[in-house]
Amino acid sequence: MKEGDIQRQENGTSVLVRSVSLLLKQHSPISLFEFVINPRSFGQTIENIFYLSFSVRDARAKITLDRNGLPIVSYVDTLSESDMMIENKQCILEMTMAQWEVGNLCGS
């Protein structure tokens, strides 16, 4: 890879991160799985999770649990002082192709 290749890749990633953030803003709050899973493409599902992770890291999105314990993702327009005081927390979301396939068989 050349330096220009890396720059083009970074610009492409930034565009896709912004696109995911704008989509989230339009559909927020939404089930995390409904937002990121592409039932026709495991690879696209993983990419969606990757691009969403930047918005979570930058506090432009947050993931909470609904009353059934399922993850909900919401767009964050502005942060309150208490939100800014909260320590950043990270989590790992594991999704294997087998899990993705089972979810699709169940109508996800």
N, C-alpha and C. Protein backbone atom coordinates (compact mmCIF):
# COMPACT_ATOMS: atom_id res chain seq x y z
N MET A 1 0.84 -1.19 0.00
CA MET A 1 0.00 0.00 0.00
C MET A 1 0.87 1.24 0.00
N LYS A 2 0.40 2.22 -0.71
CA LYS A 2 1.08 3.50 -0.74
C LYS A 2 0.34 4.47 0.19
N GLU A 3 0.99 5.58 0.49
CA GLU A 3 0.38 6.57 1.39
C GLU A 3 -0.96 7.05 0.85
N GLY A 4 -1.07 7.26 -0.44
CA GLY A 4 -2.33 7.70 -1.05
C GLY A 4 -3.44 6.69 -0.89
N ASP A 5 -3.08 5.39 -0.92
CA ASP A 5 -4.08 4.35 -0.74
C ASP A 5 -4.69 4.41 0.65
N ILE A 6 -3.85 4.64 1.64
CA ILE A 6 -4.32 4.74 3.03
C ILE A 6 -5.24 5.94 3.19
N GLN A 7 -4.87 7.08 2.60
CA GLN A 7 -5.69 8.29 2.69
C GLN A 7 -7.07 8.06 2.06
N ARG A 8 -7.12 7.41 0.89
CA ARG A 8 -8.40 7.14 0.23
C ARG A 8 -9.27 6.22 1.10
N GLN A 9 -8.63 5.23 1.72
CA GLN A 9 -9.37 4.31 2.59
C GLN A 9 -9.94 5.05 3.80
N GLU A 10 -9.15 5.95 4.40
CA GLU A 10 -9.63 6.73 5.55
C GLU A 10 -10.79 7.63 5.15
N ASN A 11 -10.69 8.26 3.97
CA ASN A 11 -11.79 9.12 3.52
C ASN A 11 -13.05 8.30 3.28
N GLY A 12 -12.91 7.10 2.70
CA GLY A 12 -14.07 6.24 2.47
C GLY A 12 -14.72 5.82 3.77
N THR A 13 -13.90 5.49 4.76
CA THR A 13 -14.43 5.11 6.07
C THR A 13 -15.19 6.27 6.69
N SER A 14 -14.64 7.46 6.62
CA SER A 14 -15.30 8.64 7.20
C SER A 14 -16.67 8.88 6.57
N VAL A 15 -16.75 8.72 5.26
CA VAL A 15 -18.02 8.91 4.56
C VAL A 15 -19.04 7.88 5.03
N LEU A 16 -18.63 6.64 5.16
CA LEU A 16 -19.55 5.59 5.59
C LEU A 16 -19.96 5.75 7.05
N VAL A 17 -19.05 6.20 7.90
CA VAL A 17 -19.39 6.46 9.30
C VAL A 17 -20.45 7.56 9.37
N ARG A 18 -20.28 8.63 8.59
CA ARG A 18 -21.27 9.72 8.57
C ARG A 18 -22.61 9.23 8.03
N SER A 19 -22.59 8.38 7.02
CA SER A 19 -23.83 7.84 6.45
C SER A 19 -24.61 7.03 7.48
N VAL A 20 -23.90 6.19 8.22
CA VAL A 20 -24.55 5.37 9.25
C VAL A 20 -25.12 6.28 10.33
N SER A 21 -24.37 7.31 10.71
CA SER A 21 -24.84 8.24 11.73
C SER A 21 -26.10 8.98 11.28
N LEU A 22 -26.13 9.40 10.02
CA LEU A 22 -27.32 10.08 9.50
C LEU A 22 -28.53 9.14 9.44
N LEU A 23 -28.31 7.90 9.06
CA LEU A 23 -29.40 6.92 9.06
C LEU A 23 -29.93 6.70 10.47
N LEU A 24 -29.02 6.61 11.42
CA LEU A 24 -29.43 6.43 12.81
C LEU A 24 -30.25 7.62 13.28
N LYS A 25 -29.82 8.81 12.91
CA LYS A 25 -30.55 10.02 13.31
C LYS A 25 -31.99 9.97 12.80
N GLN A 26 -32.18 9.46 11.58
CA GLN A 26 -33.52 9.38 10.97
C GLN A 26 -34.39 8.31 11.61
N HIS A 27 -33.79 7.24 12.12
CA HIS A 27 -34.57 6.10 12.60
C HIS A 27 -34.46 5.87 14.11
N SER A 28 -33.87 6.77 14.82
CA SER A 28 -33.60 6.61 16.25
C SER A 28 -34.84 6.84 17.09
N PRO A 29 -34.99 6.09 18.18
CA PRO A 29 -34.28 4.88 18.60
C PRO A 29 -34.75 3.68 17.80
N ILE A 30 -33.88 2.69 17.69
CA ILE A 30 -34.18 1.50 16.89
C ILE A 30 -33.45 0.30 17.49
N SER A 31 -34.01 -0.85 17.30
CA SER A 31 -33.35 -2.08 17.74
C SER A 31 -31.97 -2.15 17.09
N LEU A 32 -30.96 -2.42 17.89
CA LEU A 32 -29.60 -2.52 17.36
C LEU A 32 -29.54 -3.54 16.24
N PHE A 33 -30.17 -4.69 16.44
CA PHE A 33 -30.10 -5.74 15.44
C PHE A 33 -30.84 -5.35 14.16
N GLU A 34 -31.98 -4.70 14.29
CA GLU A 34 -32.71 -4.25 13.11
C GLU A 34 -31.87 -3.22 12.34
N PHE A 35 -31.12 -2.40 13.07
CA PHE A 35 -30.34 -1.35 12.43
C PHE A 35 -29.11 -1.89 11.70
N VAL A 36 -28.44 -2.87 12.26
CA VAL A 36 -27.16 -3.30 11.67
C VAL A 36 -27.23 -4.55 10.81
N ILE A 37 -28.23 -5.41 11.03
CA ILE A 37 -28.24 -6.69 10.31
C ILE A 37 -28.79 -6.52 8.90
N ASN A 38 -28.00 -6.99 7.95
CA ASN A 38 -28.44 -7.11 6.56
C ASN A 38 -28.72 -8.59 6.35
N PRO A 39 -29.97 -8.99 6.20
CA PRO A 39 -30.30 -10.41 6.11
C PRO A 39 -29.73 -11.11 4.87
N ARG A 40 -29.24 -10.34 3.93
CA ARG A 40 -28.69 -10.93 2.70
C ARG A 40 -27.17 -10.96 2.68
N SER A 41 -26.52 -10.32 3.69
CA SER A 41 -25.05 -10.23 3.64
C SER A 41 -24.45 -10.20 5.04
N PHE A 42 -23.76 -11.27 5.39
CA PHE A 42 -23.05 -11.32 6.66
C PHE A 42 -21.95 -10.25 6.68
N GLY A 43 -21.21 -10.14 5.59
CA GLY A 43 -20.13 -9.15 5.51
C GLY A 43 -20.63 -7.74 5.71
N GLN A 44 -21.76 -7.39 5.09
CA GLN A 44 -22.33 -6.05 5.25
C GLN A 44 -22.79 -5.83 6.68
N THR A 45 -23.30 -6.87 7.32
CA THR A 45 -23.71 -6.76 8.72
C THR A 45 -22.51 -6.39 9.59
N ILE A 46 -21.38 -7.07 9.38
CA ILE A 46 -20.18 -6.77 10.16
C ILE A 46 -19.69 -5.36 9.87
N GLU A 47 -19.74 -4.94 8.61
CA GLU A 47 -19.34 -3.57 8.26
C GLU A 47 -20.25 -2.55 8.95
N ASN A 48 -21.55 -2.82 9.00
CA ASN A 48 -22.48 -1.90 9.65
C ASN A 48 -22.13 -1.74 11.13
N ILE A 49 -21.81 -2.84 11.78
CA ILE A 49 -21.41 -2.79 13.19
C ILE A 49 -20.14 -1.96 13.35
N PHE A 50 -19.19 -2.19 12.46
CA PHE A 50 -17.92 -1.45 12.48
C PHE A 50 -18.16 0.05 12.35
N TYR A 51 -18.94 0.47 11.37
CA TYR A 51 -19.17 1.90 11.16
C TYR A 51 -19.97 2.52 12.31
N LEU A 52 -20.93 1.78 12.85
CA LEU A 52 -21.68 2.27 13.99
C LEU A 52 -20.79 2.46 15.21
N SER A 53 -19.79 1.62 15.35
CA SER A 53 -18.91 1.69 16.52
C SER A 53 -18.21 3.05 16.63
N PHE A 54 -17.94 3.70 15.52
CA PHE A 54 -17.31 5.01 15.56
C PHE A 54 -18.26 6.04 16.17
N SER A 55 -19.54 5.96 15.84
CA SER A 55 -20.52 6.90 16.42
C SER A 55 -20.67 6.67 17.92
N VAL A 56 -20.63 5.40 18.33
CA VAL A 56 -20.70 5.10 19.77
C VAL A 56 -19.46 5.65 20.46
N ARG A 57 -18.30 5.40 19.88
CA ARG A 57 -17.04 5.88 20.47
C ARG A 57 -17.04 7.40 20.62
N ASP A 58 -17.58 8.10 19.62
CA ASP A 58 -17.58 9.56 19.63
C ASP A 58 -18.79 10.15 20.34
N ALA A 59 -19.57 9.31 21.02
CA ALA A 59 -20.76 9.71 21.78
C ALA A 59 -21.82 10.35 20.88
N ARG A 60 -21.90 9.93 19.63
CA ARG A 60 -22.96 10.37 18.72
C ARG A 60 -24.08 9.34 18.71
N ALA A 61 -23.83 8.20 19.35
CA ALA A 61 -24.84 7.15 19.47
C ALA A 61 -24.63 6.46 20.81
N LYS A 62 -25.73 5.94 21.35
CA LYS A 62 -25.61 5.18 22.60
C LYS A 62 -26.48 3.94 22.49
N ILE A 63 -26.03 2.92 23.20
CA ILE A 63 -26.75 1.65 23.21
C ILE A 63 -27.25 1.41 24.62
N THR A 64 -28.54 1.20 24.72
CA THR A 64 -29.18 0.90 26.00
C THR A 64 -29.98 -0.39 25.83
N LEU A 65 -30.56 -0.87 26.91
CA LEU A 65 -31.38 -2.08 26.84
C LEU A 65 -32.85 -1.71 27.02
N ASP A 66 -33.71 -2.38 26.25
CA ASP A 66 -35.14 -2.16 26.45
C ASP A 66 -35.62 -3.00 27.62
N ARG A 67 -36.90 -2.99 27.89
CA ARG A 67 -37.42 -3.70 29.08
C ARG A 67 -37.26 -5.21 28.98
N ASN A 68 -37.01 -5.72 27.77
CA ASN A 68 -36.78 -7.16 27.59
C ASN A 68 -35.29 -7.51 27.58
N GLY A 69 -34.45 -6.51 27.81
CA GLY A 69 -33.02 -6.74 27.82
C GLY A 69 -32.37 -6.76 26.45
N LEU A 70 -33.09 -6.31 25.43
CA LEU A 70 -32.55 -6.27 24.08
C LEU A 70 -31.93 -4.90 23.80
N PRO A 71 -30.84 -4.85 23.03
CA PRO A 71 -30.15 -3.59 22.80
C PRO A 71 -30.89 -2.67 21.84
N ILE A 72 -30.96 -1.40 22.24
CA ILE A 72 -31.55 -0.33 21.44
C ILE A 72 -30.46 0.68 21.18
N VAL A 73 -30.34 1.15 19.95
CA VAL A 73 -29.36 2.18 19.63
C VAL A 73 -30.10 3.49 19.35
N SER A 74 -29.56 4.57 19.90
CA SER A 74 -30.17 5.89 19.76
C SER A 74 -29.13 6.89 19.32
N TYR A 75 -29.57 7.83 18.50
CA TYR A 75 -28.71 8.92 18.08
C TYR A 75 -28.60 9.92 19.22
N VAL A 76 -27.43 10.46 19.45
CA VAL A 76 -27.21 11.46 20.49
C VAL A 76 -26.96 12.79 19.79
N ASP A 77 -27.92 13.71 19.97
CA ASP A 77 -27.81 15.02 19.33
C ASP A 77 -26.93 15.95 20.14
N THR A 78 -27.21 16.04 21.41
CA THR A 78 -26.39 16.86 22.31
C THR A 78 -26.17 16.09 23.61
N LEU A 79 -25.04 16.32 24.20
CA LEU A 79 -24.72 15.66 25.46
C LEU A 79 -24.99 16.60 26.62
N SER A 80 -25.64 16.07 27.64
CA SER A 80 -25.83 16.85 28.86
C SER A 80 -24.55 16.79 29.68
N GLU A 81 -24.46 17.61 30.71
CA GLU A 81 -23.26 17.58 31.58
C GLU A 81 -23.10 16.21 32.22
N SER A 82 -24.22 15.62 32.66
CA SER A 82 -24.11 14.30 33.29
C SER A 82 -23.65 13.25 32.28
N ASP A 83 -24.08 13.38 31.01
CA ASP A 83 -23.62 12.44 29.98
C ASP A 83 -22.11 12.58 29.78
N MET A 84 -21.61 13.80 29.83
CA MET A 84 -20.18 14.03 29.63
C MET A 84 -19.35 13.49 30.79
N MET A 85 -19.96 13.37 31.96
CA MET A 85 -19.25 12.88 33.14
C MET A 85 -19.17 11.36 33.17
N ILE A 86 -20.04 10.71 32.40
CA ILE A 86 -20.06 9.25 32.39
C ILE A 86 -18.80 8.74 31.71
N GLU A 87 -18.20 7.77 32.35
CA GLU A 87 -16.99 7.16 31.82
C GLU A 87 -17.33 6.39 30.55
N ASN A 88 -16.46 6.50 29.54
CA ASN A 88 -16.66 5.72 28.33
C ASN A 88 -16.56 4.25 28.66
N LYS A 89 -17.48 3.49 28.14
CA LYS A 89 -17.48 2.05 28.34
C LYS A 89 -17.48 1.39 26.98
N GLN A 90 -16.78 0.32 26.88
CA GLN A 90 -16.73 -0.42 25.63
C GLN A 90 -17.25 -1.82 25.86
N CYS A 91 -17.74 -2.39 24.80
CA CYS A 91 -18.15 -3.78 24.86
C CYS A 91 -17.78 -4.45 23.54
N ILE A 92 -17.81 -5.73 23.55
CA ILE A 92 -17.51 -6.49 22.35
C ILE A 92 -18.79 -7.20 21.93
N LEU A 93 -19.13 -7.04 20.69
CA LEU A 93 -20.30 -7.72 20.14
C LEU A 93 -19.78 -8.83 19.25
N GLU A 94 -20.09 -10.05 19.62
CA GLU A 94 -19.68 -11.19 18.81
C GLU A 94 -20.84 -11.63 17.94
N MET A 95 -20.56 -11.77 16.66
CA MET A 95 -21.57 -12.30 15.76
C MET A 95 -20.86 -13.20 14.75
N THR A 96 -21.12 -14.46 14.86
CA THR A 96 -20.55 -15.40 13.91
C THR A 96 -21.50 -15.58 12.74
N MET A 97 -20.99 -16.14 11.67
CA MET A 97 -21.86 -16.39 10.52
C MET A 97 -22.99 -17.34 10.91
N ALA A 98 -22.69 -18.31 11.76
CA ALA A 98 -23.73 -19.26 12.20
C ALA A 98 -24.84 -18.53 12.97
N GLN A 99 -24.48 -17.61 13.85
CA GLN A 99 -25.49 -16.84 14.58
C GLN A 99 -26.31 -15.99 13.62
N TRP A 100 -25.64 -15.37 12.66
CA TRP A 100 -26.32 -14.54 11.67
C TRP A 100 -27.31 -15.38 10.86
N GLU A 101 -26.88 -16.59 10.46
CA GLU A 101 -27.75 -17.47 9.68
C GLU A 101 -28.96 -17.91 10.49
N VAL A 102 -28.77 -18.26 11.76
CA VAL A 102 -29.88 -18.67 12.63
C VAL A 102 -30.87 -17.53 12.78
N GLY A 103 -30.37 -16.32 12.98
CA GLY A 103 -31.24 -15.15 13.09
C GLY A 103 -32.07 -14.95 11.84
N ASN A 104 -31.50 -15.20 10.69
CA ASN A 104 -32.24 -15.05 9.44
C ASN A 104 -33.30 -16.13 9.27
N LEU A 105 -33.04 -17.32 9.77
CA LEU A 105 -34.04 -18.38 9.70
C LEU A 105 -35.23 -18.08 10.59
N CYS A 106 -34.97 -17.32 11.66
CA CYS A 106 -36.04 -16.99 12.60
C CYS A 106 -36.80 -15.74 12.17
N GLY A 107 -36.45 -15.17 11.01
CA GLY A 107 -37.19 -14.02 10.51
C GLY A 107 -36.60 -12.70 10.92
N SER A 108 -35.37 -12.66 11.43
CA SER A 108 -34.73 -11.39 11.82
C SER A 108 -34.34 -10.60 10.61
